[in-house]
PDB file of N, CA and C in Angstrom:
ATOM      1  N   MET A   1    -128.983 -56.324 -40.525  1.00  0.00           N
ATOM      2  CA  MET A   1    -128.467 -55.041 -40.723  1.00  0.00           C
ATOM      3  C   MET A   1    -126.964 -54.978 -40.494  1.00  0.00           C
ATOM      4  N   ALA A   2    -126.377 -55.984 -40.616  1.00  0.00           N
ATOM      5  CA  ALA A   2    -124.963 -56.075 -40.366  1.00  0.00           C
ATOM      6  C   ALA A   2    -124.139 -55.482 -41.501  1.00  0.00           C
ATOM      7  N   HIS A   3    -124.624 -55.622 -42.684  1.00  0.00           N
ATOM      8  CA  HIS A   3    -123.828 -55.102 -43.800  1.00  0.00           C
ATOM      9  C   HIS A   3    -124.389 -53.831 -44.411  1.00  0.00           C
ATOM     10  N   GLU A   4    -125.131 -53.135 -43.735  1.00  0.00           N
ATOM     11  CA  GLU A   4    -125.679 -51.903 -44.260  1.00  0.00           C
ATOM     12  C   GLU A   4    -124.732 -50.738 -43.989  1.00  0.00           C
ATOM     13  N   VAL A   5    -124.764 -49.780 -44.899  1.00  0.00           N
ATOM     14  CA  VAL A   5    -123.896 -48.605 -44.778  1.00  0.00           C
ATOM     15  C   VAL A   5    -124.602 -47.618 -43.881  1.00  0.00           C
ATOM     16  N   GLU A   6    -123.907 -47.245 -42.872  1.00  0.00           N
ATOM     17  CA  GLU A   6    -124.490 -46.295 -41.942  1.00  0.00           C
ATOM     18  C   GLU A   6    -124.245 -44.857 -42.378  1.00  0.00           C
ATOM     19  N   SER A   7    -123.063 -44.553 -42.825  1.00  0.00           N
ATOM     20  CA  SER A   7    -122.768 -43.194 -43.270  1.00  0.00           C
ATOM     21  C   SER A   7    -121.605 -43.226 -44.252  1.00  0.00           C
ATOM     22  N   ILE A   8    -121.559 -42.218 -45.088  1.00  0.00           N
ATOM     23  CA  ILE A   8    -120.474 -42.085 -46.064  1.00  0.00           C
ATOM     24  C   ILE A   8    -119.727 -40.805 -45.706  1.00  0.00           C
ATOM     25  N   VAL A   9    -118.448 -40.963 -45.606  1.00  0.00           N
ATOM     26  CA  VAL A   9    -117.600 -39.804 -45.315  1.00  0.00           C
ATOM     27  C   VAL A   9    -116.792 -39.494 -46.573  1.00  0.00           C
ATOM     28  N   PHE A  10    -116.929 -38.285 -47.022  1.00  0.00           N
ATOM     29  CA  PHE A  10    -116.190 -37.868 -48.207  1.00  0.00           C
ATOM     30  C   PHE A  10    -115.002 -37.039 -47.755  1.00  0.00           C
ATOM     31  N   VAL A  11    -113.824 -37.525 -48.101  1.00  0.00           N
ATOM     32  CA  VAL A  11    -112.605 -36.791 -47.791  1.00  0.00           C
ATOM     33  C   VAL A  11    -111.976 -36.430 -49.133  1.00  0.00           C
ATOM     34  N   GLY A  12    -111.861 -35.166 -49.393  1.00  0.00           N
ATOM     35  CA  GLY A  12    -111.290 -34.743 -50.662  1.00  0.00           C
ATOM     36  C   GLY A  12    -110.910 -33.265 -50.621  1.00  0.00           C
ATOM     37  N   GLN A  13    -110.291 -32.894 -51.689  1.00  0.00           N
ATOM     38  CA  GLN A  13    -109.837 -31.513 -51.774  1.00  0.00           C
ATOM     39  C   GLN A  13    -110.074 -31.033 -53.205  1.00  0.00           C
ATOM     40  N   ASP A  14    -110.577 -29.830 -53.368  1.00  0.00           N
ATOM     41  CA  ASP A  14    -110.829 -29.256 -54.685  1.00  0.00           C
ATOM     42  C   ASP A  14    -109.528 -28.641 -55.192  1.00  0.00           C
ATOM     43  N   ILE A  15    -108.980 -29.217 -56.282  1.00  0.00           N
ATOM     44  CA  ILE A  15    -107.715 -28.709 -56.831  1.00  0.00           C
ATOM     45  C   ILE A  15    -107.924 -27.989 -58.168  1.00  0.00           C
ATOM     46  N   THR A  16    -109.134 -27.561 -58.406  1.00  0.00           N
ATOM     47  CA  THR A  16    -109.453 -26.875 -59.655  1.00  0.00           C
ATOM     48  C   THR A  16    -108.622 -25.612 -59.807  1.00  0.00           C
ATOM     49  N   HIS A  17    -108.526 -24.840 -58.755  1.00  0.00           N
ATOM     50  CA  HIS A  17    -107.767 -23.591 -58.812  1.00  0.00           C
ATOM     51  C   HIS A  17    -106.285 -23.864 -59.099  1.00  0.00           C
ATOM     52  N   GLU A  18    -105.697 -24.884 -58.475  1.00  0.00           N
ATOM     53  CA  GLU A  18    -104.300 -25.223 -58.704  1.00  0.00           C
ATOM     54  C   GLU A  18    -104.073 -25.655 -60.148  1.00  0.00           C
ATOM     55  N   LYS A  19    -105.000 -26.436 -60.713  1.00  0.00           N
ATOM     56  CA  LYS A  19    -104.892 -26.877 -62.103  1.00  0.00           C
ATOM     57  C   LYS A  19    -104.990 -25.686 -63.051  1.00  0.00           C
ATOM     58  N   GLN A  20    -105.866 -24.744 -62.743  1.00  0.00           N
ATOM     59  CA  GLN A  20    -105.980 -23.546 -63.564  1.00  0.00           C
ATOM     60  C   GLN A  20    -104.675 -22.735 -63.521  1.00  0.00           C
ATOM     61  N   LEU A  21    -104.083 -22.634 -62.356  1.00  0.00           N
ATOM     62  CA  LEU A  21    -102.811 -21.914 -62.218  1.00  0.00           C
ATOM     63  C   LEU A  21    -101.697 -22.608 -62.994  1.00  0.00           C
ATOM     64  N   GLU A  22    -101.651 -23.943 -62.935  1.00  0.00           N
ATOM     65  CA  GLU A  22    -100.649 -24.696 -63.689  1.00  0.00           C
ATOM     66  C   GLU A  22    -100.796 -24.450 -65.190  1.00  0.00           C
ATOM     67  N   GLU A  23    -102.047 -24.473 -65.672  1.00  0.00           N
ATOM     68  CA  GLU A  23    -102.293 -24.235 -67.092  1.00  0.00           C
ATOM     69  C   GLU A  23    -101.888 -22.813 -67.471  1.00  0.00           C
ATOM     70  N   GLU A  24    -102.168 -21.862 -66.608  1.00  0.00           N
ATOM     71  CA  GLU A  24    -101.783 -20.472 -66.862  1.00  0.00           C
ATOM     72  C   GLU A  24    -100.260 -20.333 -66.905  1.00  0.00           C
ATOM     73  N   VAL A  25     -99.559 -21.000 -66.015  1.00  0.00           N
ATOM     74  CA  VAL A  25     -98.094 -20.958 -66.003  1.00  0.00           C
ATOM     75  C   VAL A  25     -97.539 -21.568 -67.288  1.00  0.00           C
ATOM     76  N   ARG A  26     -98.102 -22.707 -67.731  1.00  0.00           N
ATOM     77  CA  ARG A  26     -97.671 -23.326 -68.985  1.00  0.00           C
ATOM     78  C   ARG A  26     -97.894 -22.381 -70.170  1.00  0.00           C
ATOM     79  N   SER A  27     -99.057 -21.758 -70.192  1.00  0.00           N
ATOM     80  CA  SER A  27     -99.375 -20.830 -71.272  1.00  0.00           C
ATOM     81  C   SER A  27     -98.404 -19.638 -71.275  1.00  0.00           C
ATOM     82  N   GLN A  28     -98.116 -19.086 -70.124  1.00  0.00           N
ATOM     83  CA  GLN A  28     -97.187 -17.966 -70.027  1.00  0.00           C
ATOM     84  C   GLN A  28     -95.768 -18.377 -70.421  1.00  0.00           C
ATOM     85  N   ALA A  29     -95.369 -19.601 -70.075  1.00  0.00           N
ATOM     86  CA  ALA A  29     -94.041 -20.093 -70.450  1.00  0.00           C
ATOM     87  C   ALA A  29     -93.938 -20.218 -71.976  1.00  0.00           C
ATOM     88  N   GLU A  30     -94.982 -20.719 -72.614  1.00  0.00           N
ATOM     89  CA  GLU A  30     -94.978 -20.823 -74.083  1.00  0.00           C
ATOM     90  C   GLU A  30     -94.915 -19.432 -74.726  1.00  0.00           C
ATOM     91  N   THR A  31     -95.692 -18.512 -74.188  1.00  0.00           N
ATOM     92  CA  THR A  31     -95.674 -17.139 -74.703  1.00  0.00           C
ATOM     93  C   THR A  31     -94.290 -16.527 -74.543  1.00  0.00           C
ATOM     94  N   LEU A  32     -93.662 -16.738 -73.404  1.00  0.00           N
ATOM     95  CA  LEU A  32     -92.321 -16.214 -73.150  1.00  0.00           C
ATOM     96  C   LEU A  32     -91.304 -16.808 -74.124  1.00  0.00           C
ATOM     97  N   LYS A  33     -91.401 -18.097 -74.403  1.00  0.00           N
ATOM     98  CA  LYS A  33     -90.490 -18.724 -75.359  1.00  0.00           C
ATOM     99  C   LYS A  33     -90.676 -18.134 -76.759  1.00  0.00           C
ATOM    100  N   LYS A  34     -91.934 -17.923 -77.154  1.00  0.00           N
ATOM    101  CA  LYS A  34     -92.204 -17.317 -78.467  1.00  0.00           C
ATOM    102  C   LYS A  34     -91.622 -15.909 -78.540  1.00  0.00           C
ATOM    103  N   GLN A  35     -91.807 -15.133 -77.477  1.00  0.00           N
ATOM    104  CA  GLN A  35     -91.280 -13.768 -77.452  1.00  0.00           C
ATOM    105  C   GLN A  35     -89.756 -13.755 -77.469  1.00  0.00           C
ATOM    106  N   GLU A  36     -89.125 -14.684 -76.749  1.00  0.00           N
ATOM    107  CA  GLU A  36     -87.657 -14.776 -76.769  1.00  0.00           C
ATOM    108  C   GLU A  36     -87.161 -15.095 -78.172  1.00  0.00           C
ATOM    109  N   LYS A  37     -87.841 -16.005 -78.870  1.00  0.00           N
ATOM    110  CA  LYS A  37     -87.455 -16.345 -80.240  1.00  0.00           C
ATOM    111  C   LYS A  37     -87.620 -15.132 -81.158  1.00  0.00           C
ATOM    112  N   MET A  38     -88.740 -14.411 -81.003  1.00  0.00           N
ATOM    113  CA  MET A  38     -88.948 -13.211 -81.807  1.00  0.00           C
ATOM    114  C   MET A  38     -87.867 -12.169 -81.528  1.00  0.00           C
ATOM    115  N   LEU A  39     -87.471 -12.037 -80.276  1.00  0.00           N
ATOM    116  CA  LEU A  39     -86.426 -11.089 -79.897  1.00  0.00           C
ATOM    117  C   LEU A  39     -85.087 -11.476 -80.515  1.00  0.00           C
ATOM    118  N   ARG A  40     -84.747 -12.757 -80.481  1.00  0.00           N
ATOM    119  CA  ARG A  40     -83.493 -13.214 -81.098  1.00  0.00           C
ATOM    120  C   ARG A  40     -83.515 -12.973 -82.604  1.00  0.00           C
ATOM    121  N   ASP A  41     -84.667 -13.264 -83.240  1.00  0.00           N
ATOM    122  CA  ASP A  41     -84.780 -13.028 -84.685  1.00  0.00           C
ATOM    123  C   ASP A  41     -84.648 -11.539 -85.013  1.00  0.00           C
ATOM    124  N   ALA A  42     -85.278 -10.689 -84.212  1.00  0.00           N
ATOM    125  CA  ALA A  42     -85.188  -9.241 -84.429  1.00  0.00           C
ATOM    126  C   ALA A  42     -83.752  -8.757 -84.232  1.00  0.00           C
ATOM    127  N   GLU A  43     -83.065  -9.326 -83.244  1.00  0.00           N
ATOM    128  CA  GLU A  43     -81.663  -8.951 -83.004  1.00  0.00           C
ATOM    129  C   GLU A  43     -80.788  -9.341 -84.196  1.00  0.00           C
ATOM    130  N   LYS A  44     -80.996 -10.538 -84.734  1.00  0.00           N
ATOM    131  CA  LYS A  44     -80.241 -10.970 -85.904  1.00  0.00           C
ATOM    132  C   LYS A  44     -80.507 -10.051 -87.091  1.00  0.00           C
ATOM    133  N   GLU A  45     -81.773  -9.674 -87.263  1.00  0.00           N
ATOM    134  CA  GLU A  45     -82.128  -8.788 -88.369  1.00  0.00           C
ATOM    135  C   GLU A  45     -81.486  -7.416 -88.200  1.00  0.00           C
ATOM    136  N   LEU A  46     -81.493  -6.885 -86.979  1.00  0.00           N
ATOM    137  CA  LEU A  46     -80.875  -5.583 -86.730  1.00  0.00           C
ATOM    138  C   LEU A  46     -79.365  -5.625 -86.946  1.00  0.00           C
ATOM    139  N   VAL A  47     -78.730  -6.705 -86.517  1.00  0.00           N
ATOM    140  CA  VAL A  47     -77.283  -6.842 -86.733  1.00  0.00           C
ATOM    141  C   VAL A  47     -76.989  -6.884 -88.229  1.00  0.00           C
ATOM    142  N   SER A  48     -77.811  -7.606 -88.969  1.00  0.00           N
ATOM    143  CA  SER A  48     -77.633  -7.680 -90.417  1.00  0.00           C
ATOM    144  C   SER A  48     -77.829  -6.306 -91.062  1.00  0.00           C
ATOM    145  N   LYS A  49     -78.864  -5.584 -90.658  1.00  0.00           N
ATOM    146  CA  LYS A  49     -79.106  -4.242 -91.202  1.00  0.00           C
ATOM    147  C   LYS A  49     -77.965  -3.299 -90.845  1.00  0.00           C
ATOM    148  N   LEU A  50     -77.468  -3.398 -89.614  1.00  0.00           N
ATOM    149  CA  LEU A  50     -76.341  -2.555 -89.195  1.00  0.00           C
ATOM    150  C   LEU A  50     -75.113  -2.839 -90.042  1.00  0.00           C
ATOM    151  N   ARG A  51     -74.840  -4.118 -90.293  1.00  0.00           N
ATOM    152  CA  ARG A  51     -73.694  -4.501 -91.116  1.00  0.00           C
ATOM    153  C   ARG A  51     -73.852  -3.948 -92.536  1.00  0.00           C
ATOM    154  N   ASP A  52     -75.063  -4.093 -93.092  1.00  0.00           N
ATOM    155  CA  ASP A  52     -75.321  -3.578 -94.443  1.00  0.00           C
ATOM    156  C   ASP A  52     -75.189  -2.060 -94.500  1.00  0.00           C
ATOM    157  N   THR A  53     -75.734  -1.379 -93.502  1.00  0.00           N
ATOM    158  CA  THR A  53     -75.654   0.086 -93.458  1.00  0.00           C
ATOM    159  C   THR A  53     -74.219   0.543 -93.309  1.00  0.00           C
ATOM    160  N   ARG A  54     -73.467  -0.148 -92.472  1.00  0.00           N
ATOM    161  CA  ARG A  54     -72.052   0.202 -92.283  1.00  0.00           C
ATOM    162  C   ARG A  54     -71.275   0.024 -93.589  1.00  0.00           C
ATOM    163  N   ALA A  55     -71.544  -1.072 -94.298  1.00  0.00           N
ATOM    164  CA  ALA A  55     -70.864  -1.314 -95.579  1.00  0.00           C
ATOM    165  C   ALA A  55     -71.260  -0.251 -96.601  1.00  0.00           C
ATOM    166  N   GLU A  56     -72.542   0.113 -96.630  1.00  0.00           N
ATOM    167  CA  GLU A  56     -72.999   1.145 -97.560  1.00  0.00           C
ATOM    168  C   GLU A  56     -72.354   2.491 -97.237  1.00  0.00           C
ATOM    169  N   LEU A  57     -72.272   2.810 -95.948  1.00  0.00           N
ATOM    170  CA  LEU A  57     -71.655   4.067 -95.526  1.00  0.00           C
ATOM    171  C   LEU A  57     -70.171   4.102 -95.897  1.00  0.00           C
ATOM    172  N   MET A  58     -69.491   2.998 -95.710  1.00  0.00           N
ATOM    173  CA  MET A  58     -68.073   2.934 -96.092  1.00  0.00           C
ATOM    174  C   MET A  58     -67.918   3.092 -97.603  1.00  0.00           C
ATOM    175  N   GLY A  59     -68.826   2.494 -98.374  1.00  0.00           N
ATOM    176  CA  GLY A  59     -68.801   2.657 -99.827  1.00  0.00           C
ATOM    177  C   GLY A  59     -69.016   4.109-100.229  1.00  0.00           C
ATOM    178  N   GLN A  60     -69.968   4.770 -99.579  1.00  0.00           N
ATOM    179  CA  GLN A  60     -70.206   6.179 -99.864  1.00  0.00           C
ATOM    180  C   GLN A  60     -68.997   7.023 -99.476  1.00  0.00           C
ATOM    181  N   PHE A  61     -68.372   6.685 -98.351  1.00  0.00           N
ATOM    182  CA  PHE A  61     -67.187   7.418 -97.918  1.00  0.00           C
ATOM    183  C   PHE A  61     -66.057   7.252 -98.942  1.00  0.00           C
ATOM    184  N   ARG A  62     -65.852   6.028 -99.400  1.00  0.00           N
ATOM    185  CA  ARG A  62     -64.799   5.787-100.397  1.00  0.00           C
ATOM    186  C   ARG A  62     -65.083   6.553-101.688  1.00  0.00           C
ATOM    187  N   GLU A  63     -66.353   6.555-102.123  1.00  0.00           N
ATOM    188  CA  GLU A  63     -66.725   7.269-103.336  1.00  0.00           C
ATOM    189  C   GLU A  63     -66.517   8.774-103.165  1.00  0.00           C
ATOM    190  N   THR A  64     -66.902   9.317-102.027  1.00  0.00           N
ATOM    191  CA  THR A  64     -66.699  10.738-101.753  1.00  0.00           C
ATOM    192  C   THR A  64     -65.220  11.075-101.736  1.00  0.00           C
ATOM    193  N   GLU A  65     -64.437  10.223-101.125  1.00  0.00           N
ATOM    194  CA  GLU A  65     -62.981  10.434-101.069  1.00  0.00           C
ATOM    195  C   GLU A  65     -62.380  10.378-102.474  1.00  0.00           C
ATOM    196  N   ARG A  66     -62.876   9.458-103.295  1.00  0.00           N
ATOM    197  CA  ARG A  66     -62.392   9.340-104.674  1.00  0.00           C
ATOM    198  C   ARG A  66     -62.701  10.613-105.465  1.00  0.00           C
ATOM    199  N   ILE A  67     -63.933  11.098-105.333  1.00  0.00           N
ATOM    200  CA  ILE A  67     -64.324  12.324-106.034  1.00  0.00           C
ATOM    201  C   ILE A  67     -63.524  13.514-105.526  1.00  0.00           C
ATOM    202  N   LYS A  68     -63.291  13.564-104.225  1.00  0.00           N
ATOM    203  CA  LYS A  68     -62.487  14.647-103.649  1.00  0.00           C
ATOM    204  C   LYS A  68     -61.085  14.626-104.239  1.00  0.00           C
ATOM    205  N   ASN A  69     -60.499  13.454-104.345  1.00  0.00           N
ATOM    206  CA  ASN A  69     -59.149  13.332-104.904  1.00  0.00           C
ATOM    207  C   ASN A  69     -59.118  13.752-106.377  1.00  0.00           C
ATOM    208  N   ILE A  70     -60.145  13.373-107.132  1.00  0.00           N
ATOM    209  CA  ILE A  70     -60.222  13.785-108.546  1.00  0.00           C
ATOM    210  C   ILE A  70     -60.308  15.304-108.641  1.00  0.00           C
ATOM    211  N   ASN A  71     -61.163  15.906-107.819  1.00  0.00           N
ATOM    212  CA  ASN A  71     -61.314  17.361-107.838  1.00  0.00           C
ATOM    213  C   ASN A  71     -60.013  18.061-107.439  1.00  0.00           C
ATOM    214  N   GLU A  72     -59.354  17.553-106.408  1.00  0.00           N
ATOM    215  CA  GLU A  72     -58.086  18.155-105.989  1.00  0.00           C
ATOM    216  C   GLU A  72     -57.035  18.040-107.086  1.00  0.00           C
ATOM    217  N   LYS A  73     -56.984  16.893-107.733  1.00  0.00           N
ATOM    218  CA  LYS A  73     -56.009  16.702-108.818  1.00  0.00           C
ATOM    219  C   LYS A  73     -56.307  17.660-109.968  1.00  0.00           C
ATOM    220  N   THR A  74     -57.597  17.838-110.280  1.00  0.00           N
ATOM    221  CA  THR A  74     -57.983  18.783-111.334  1.00  0.00           C
ATOM    222  C   THR A  74     -57.565  20.201-110.965  1.00  0.00           C
ATOM    223  N   LEU A  75     -57.815  20.579-109.723  1.00  0.00           N
ATOM    224  CA  LEU A  75     -57.442  21.922-109.271  1.00  0.00           C
ATOM    225  C   LEU A  75     -55.924  22.101-109.240  1.00  0.00           C
ATOM    226  N   GLU A  76     -55.195  21.072-108.855  1.00  0.00           N
ATOM    227  CA  GLU A  76     -53.733  21.168-108.808  1.00  0.00           C
ATOM    228  C   GLU A  76     -53.140  21.361-110.195  1.00  0.00           C
ATOM    229  N   ASP A  77     -53.793  20.841-111.226  1.00  0.00           N
ATOM    230  CA  ASP A  77     -53.279  20.946-112.584  1.00  0.00           C
ATOM    231  C   ASP A  77     -53.615  22.278-113.246  1.00  0.00           C
ATOM    232  N   MET A  78     -54.366  23.125-112.574  1.00  0.00           N
ATOM    233  CA  MET A  78     -54.712  24.429-113.146  1.00  0.00           C
ATOM    234  C   MET A  78     -53.500  25.354-113.111  1.00  0.00           C
ATOM    235  N   PRO A  79     -53.349  26.233-114.093  1.00  0.00           N
ATOM    236  CA  PRO A  79     -52.186  27.129-114.113  1.00  0.00           C
ATOM    237  C   PRO A  79     -52.296  28.276-113.116  1.00  0.00           C
ATOM    238  N   ASP A  80     -53.485  28.543-112.596  1.00  0.00           N
ATOM    239  CA  ASP A  80     -53.670  29.628-111.644  1.00  0.00           C
ATOM    240  C   ASP A  80     -53.740  29.067-110.229  1.00  0.00           C
ATOM    241  N   ALA A  81     -53.527  29.947-109.282  1.00  0.00           N
ATOM    242  CA  ALA A  81     -53.661  29.551-107.883  1.00  0.00           C
ATOM    243  C   ALA A  81     -55.136  29.395-107.552  1.00  0.00           C
ATOM    244  N   VAL A  82     -55.448  28.366-106.786  1.00  0.00           N
ATOM    245  CA  VAL A  82     -56.816  28.126-106.359  1.00  0.00           C
ATOM    246  C   VAL A  82     -56.807  27.970-104.855  1.00  0.00           C
ATOM    247  N   ILE A  83     -57.650  28.734-104.215  1.00  0.00           N
ATOM    248  CA  ILE A  83     -57.772  28.647-102.760  1.00  0.00           C
ATOM    249  C   ILE A  83     -59.233  28.332-102.454  1.00  0.00           C
ATOM    250  N   THR A  84     -59.454  27.284-101.694  1.00  0.00           N
ATOM    251  CA  THR A  84     -60.800  26.896-101.300  1.00  0.00           C
ATOM    252  C   THR A  84     -60.935  27.157 -99.810  1.00  0.00           C
ATOM    253  N   THR A  85     -62.015  27.851 -99.436  1.00  0.00           N
ATOM    254  CA  THR A  85     -62.233  28.155 -98.022  1.00  0.00           C
ATOM    255  C   THR A  85     -63.517  27.503 -97.542  1.00  0.00           C
ATOM    256  N   SER A  86     -63.586  27.296 -96.245  1.00  0.00           N
ATOM    257  CA  SER A  86     -64.793  26.736 -95.643  1.00  0.00           C
ATOM    258  C   SER A  86     -65.746  27.876 -95.297  1.00  0.00           C
ATOM    259  N   SER A  87     -66.883  27.539 -94.753  1.00  0.00           N
ATOM    260  CA  SER A  87     -67.885  28.558 -94.415  1.00  0.00           C
ATOM    261  C   SER A  87     -67.401  29.497 -93.315  1.00  0.00           C
ATOM    262  N   ASP A  88     -66.437  29.082 -92.512  1.00  0.00           N
ATOM    263  CA  ASP A  88     -65.892  29.962 -91.480  1.00  0.00           C
ATOM    264  C   ASP A  88     -64.578  30.617 -91.925  1.00  0.00           C
ATOM    265  N   ASN A  89     -64.392  30.721 -93.248  1.00  0.00           N
ATOM    266  CA  ASN A  89     -63.265  31.430 -93.866  1.00  0.00           C
ATOM    267  C   ASN A  89     -61.901  30.822 -93.556  1.00  0.00           C
ATOM    268  N   ARG A  90     -61.848  29.550 -93.354  1.00  0.00           N
ATOM    269  CA  ARG A  90     -60.563  28.864 -93.180  1.00  0.00           C
ATOM    270  C   ARG A  90     -60.154  28.249 -94.506  1.00  0.00           C
ATOM    271  N   ILE A  91     -58.870  28.311 -94.797  1.00  0.00           N
ATOM    272  CA  ILE A  91     -58.386  27.730 -96.046  1.00  0.00           C
ATOM    273  C   ILE A  91     -58.443  26.214 -95.929  1.00  0.00           C
ATOM    274  N   VAL A  92     -59.153  25.611 -96.866  1.00  0.00           N
ATOM    275  CA  VAL A  92     -59.310  24.159 -96.884  1.00  0.00           C
ATOM    276  C   VAL A  92     -58.355  23.538 -97.891  1.00  0.00           C
ATOM    277  N   PHE A  93     -58.158  24.230 -99.024  1.00  0.00           N
ATOM    278  CA  PHE A  93     -57.323  23.680-100.085  1.00  0.00           C
ATOM    279  C   PHE A  93     -56.589  24.832-100.752  1.00  0.00           C
ATOM    280  N   PHE A  94     -55.324  24.613-101.070  1.00  0.00           N
ATOM    281  CA  PHE A  94     -54.493  25.643-101.674  1.00  0.00           C
ATOM    282  C   PHE A  94     -53.612  24.987-102.724  1.00  0.00           C
ATOM    283  N   THR A  95     -53.599  25.562-103.933  1.00  0.00           N
ATOM    284  CA  THR A  95     -52.744  25.009-104.978  1.00  0.00           C
ATOM    285  C   THR A  95     -51.580  25.943-105.226  1.00  0.00           C
ATOM    286  N   ASN A  96     -50.497  25.361-105.658  1.00  0.00           N
ATOM    287  CA  ASN A  96     -49.306  26.119-106.021  1.00  0.00           C
ATOM    288  C   ASN A  96     -49.468  26.536-107.480  1.00  0.00           C
ATOM    289  N   PRO A  97     -49.459  27.827-107.785  1.00  0.00           N
ATOM    290  CA  PRO A  97     -49.681  28.243-109.173  1.00  0.00           C
ATOM    291  C   PRO A  97     -48.596  27.717-110.096  1.00  0.00           C
ATOM    292  N   LEU A  98     -49.023  27.276-111.259  1.00  0.00           N
ATOM    293  CA  LEU A  98     -48.141  26.714-112.290  1.00  0.00           C
ATOM    294  C   LEU A  98     -47.332  25.529-111.787  1.00  0.00           C
ATOM    295  N   ASN A  99     -47.797  24.936-110.707  1.00  0.00           N
ATOM    296  CA  ASN A  99     -47.128  23.770-110.131  1.00  0.00           C
ATOM    297  C   ASN A  99     -45.633  23.997-109.964  1.00  0.00           C
ATOM    298  N   CYS A 100     -45.269  25.160-109.496  1.00  0.00           N
ATOM    299  CA  CYS A 100     -43.856  25.467-109.292  1.00  0.00           C
ATOM    300  C   CYS A 100     -43.332  24.647-108.136  1.00  0.00           C
ATOM    301  N   SER A 101     -42.135  24.195-108.269  1.00  0.00           N
ATOM    302  CA  SER A 101     -41.536  23.441-107.179  1.00  0.00           C
ATOM    303  C   SER A 101     -40.368  24.255-106.629  1.00  0.00           C
ATOM    304  N   GLY A 102     -40.011  23.955-105.421  1.00  0.00           N
ATOM    305  CA  GLY A 102     -38.879  24.673-104.824  1.00  0.00           C
ATOM    306  C   GLY A 102     -39.320  25.991-104.225  1.00  0.00           C
ATOM    307  N   ARG A 103     -38.388  26.951-104.185  1.00  0.00           N
ATOM    308  CA  ARG A 103     -38.679  28.246-103.579  1.00  0.00           C
ATOM    309  C   ARG A 103     -39.597  29.056-104.466  1.00  0.00           C
ATOM    310  N   TRP A 104     -40.382  29.901-103.832  1.00  0.00           N
ATOM    311  CA  TRP A 104     -41.285  30.784-104.556  1.00  0.00           C
ATOM    312  C   TRP A 104     -40.528  32.017-105.016  1.00  0.00           C
ATOM    313  N   ASN A 105     -40.602  32.306-106.300  1.00  0.00           N
ATOM    314  CA  ASN A 105     -40.157  33.606-106.796  1.00  0.00           C
ATOM    315  C   ASN A 105     -40.938  33.921-108.056  1.00  0.00           C
ATOM    316  N   GLU A 106     -41.026  35.198-108.372  1.00  0.00           N
ATOM    317  CA  GLU A 106     -41.878  35.612-109.479  1.00  0.00           C
ATOM    318  C   GLU A 106     -41.319  35.212-110.831  1.00  0.00           C
ATOM    319  N   LYS A 107     -40.025  34.932-110.930  1.00  0.00           N
ATOM    320  CA  LYS A 107     -39.472  34.501-112.217  1.00  0.00           C
ATOM    321  C   LYS A 107     -39.949  33.094-112.548  1.00  0.00           C
ATOM    322  N   MET A 108     -40.054  32.244-111.523  1.00  0.00           N
ATOM    323  CA  MET A 108     -40.491  30.869-111.762  1.00  0.00           C
ATOM    324  C   MET A 108     -41.994  30.817-112.045  1.00  0.00           C
ATOM    325  N   CYS A 109     -42.748  31.639-111.331  1.00  0.00           N
ATOM    326  CA  CYS A 109     -44.199  31.609-111.465  1.00  0.00           C
ATOM    327  C   CYS A 109     -44.675  33.034-111.658  1.00  0.00           C
ATOM    328  N   SER A 110     -45.264  33.291-112.789  1.00  0.00           N
ATOM    329  CA  SER A 110     -45.665  34.655-113.097  1.00  0.00           C
ATOM    330  C   SER A 110     -47.015  35.018-112.485  1.00  0.00           C
ATOM    331  N   SER A 111     -47.752  34.058-111.998  1.00  0.00           N
ATOM    332  CA  SER A 111     -49.066  34.352-111.415  1.00  0.00           C
ATOM    333  C   SER A 111     -48.898  34.959-110.038  1.00  0.00           C
ATOM    334  N   ARG A 112     -49.832  35.772-109.663  1.00  0.00           N
ATOM    335  CA  ARG A 112     -49.856  36.341-108.319  1.00  0.00           C
ATOM    336  C   ARG A 112     -51.058  35.770-107.584  1.00  0.00           C
ATOM    337  N   ILE A 113     -50.897  35.612-106.310  1.00  0.00           N
ATOM    338  CA  ILE A 113     -51.952  35.019-105.499  1.00  0.00           C
ATOM    339  C   ILE A 113     -52.697  36.136-104.782  1.00  0.00           C
ATOM    340  N   SER A 114     -54.004  36.132-104.886  1.00  0.00           N
ATOM    341  CA  SER A 114     -54.840  37.077-104.150  1.00  0.00           C
ATOM    342  C   SER A 114     -55.786  36.278-103.271  1.00  0.00           C
ATOM    343  N   VAL A 115     -55.819  36.628-102.012  1.00  0.00           N
ATOM    344  CA  VAL A 115     -56.698  35.937-101.076  1.00  0.00           C
ATOM    345  C   VAL A 115     -57.772  36.916-100.649  1.00  0.00           C
ATOM    346  N   PHE A 116     -59.016  36.509-100.840  1.00  0.00           N
ATOM    347  CA  PHE A 116     -60.143  37.349-100.443  1.00  0.00           C
ATOM    348  C   PHE A 116     -60.879  36.654 -99.300  1.00  0.00           C
ATOM    349  N   SER A 117     -61.226  37.413 -98.322  1.00  0.00           N
ATOM    350  CA  SER A 117     -62.016  36.885 -97.199  1.00  0.00           C
ATOM    351  C   SER A 117     -63.372  37.549 -97.235  1.00  0.00           C
ATOM    352  N   PHE A 118     -64.412  36.737 -97.343  1.00  0.00           N
ATOM    353  CA  PHE A 118     -65.763  37.257 -97.402  1.00  0.00           C
ATOM    354  C   PHE A 118     -66.403  37.067 -96.051  1.00  0.00           C
ATOM    355  N   ARG A 119     -66.819  38.145 -95.462  1.00  0.00           N
ATOM    356  CA  ARG A 119     -67.469  38.072 -94.161  1.00  0.00           C
ATOM    357  C   ARG A 119     -68.889  38.575 -94.277  1.00  0.00           C
ATOM    358  N   LYS A 120     -69.728  38.003 -93.484  1.00  0.00           N
ATOM    359  CA  LYS A 120     -71.126  38.425 -93.483  1.00  0.00           C
ATOM    360  C   LYS A 120     -71.245  39.727 -92.723  1.00  0.00           C
ATOM    361  N   SER A 121     -72.061  40.627 -93.238  1.00  0.00           N
ATOM    362  CA  SER A 121     -72.233  41.936 -92.588  1.00  0.00           C
ATOM    363  C   SER A 121     -73.263  41.851 -91.497  1.00  0.00           C
TER     364      SER A 121
END
């Protein structure tokens, strides 16, 4: 009986929970990387849309300004005085009748200017 095993001692530790936590951390890290990439892509797309919208707005502004200038030039070439007012009765645009230059006198310009103010009752 010299070589017989009398007892077996098992020394060990269950690391199943630690391995599960490691796998969960790896999974969360991958998810975080995917979300960061999606966020960067969305940011690039928003910057691109903002740039496009800004360019479109500037184009619309230039077109509006061009049309405004055409309208003003048309009104300036009219032989009568033209006064344009805003909704709060402020003069926005005023033309010189008959495009007279210099001092105003009735001999130079035969038109008379009448200003009407329309107020809500």
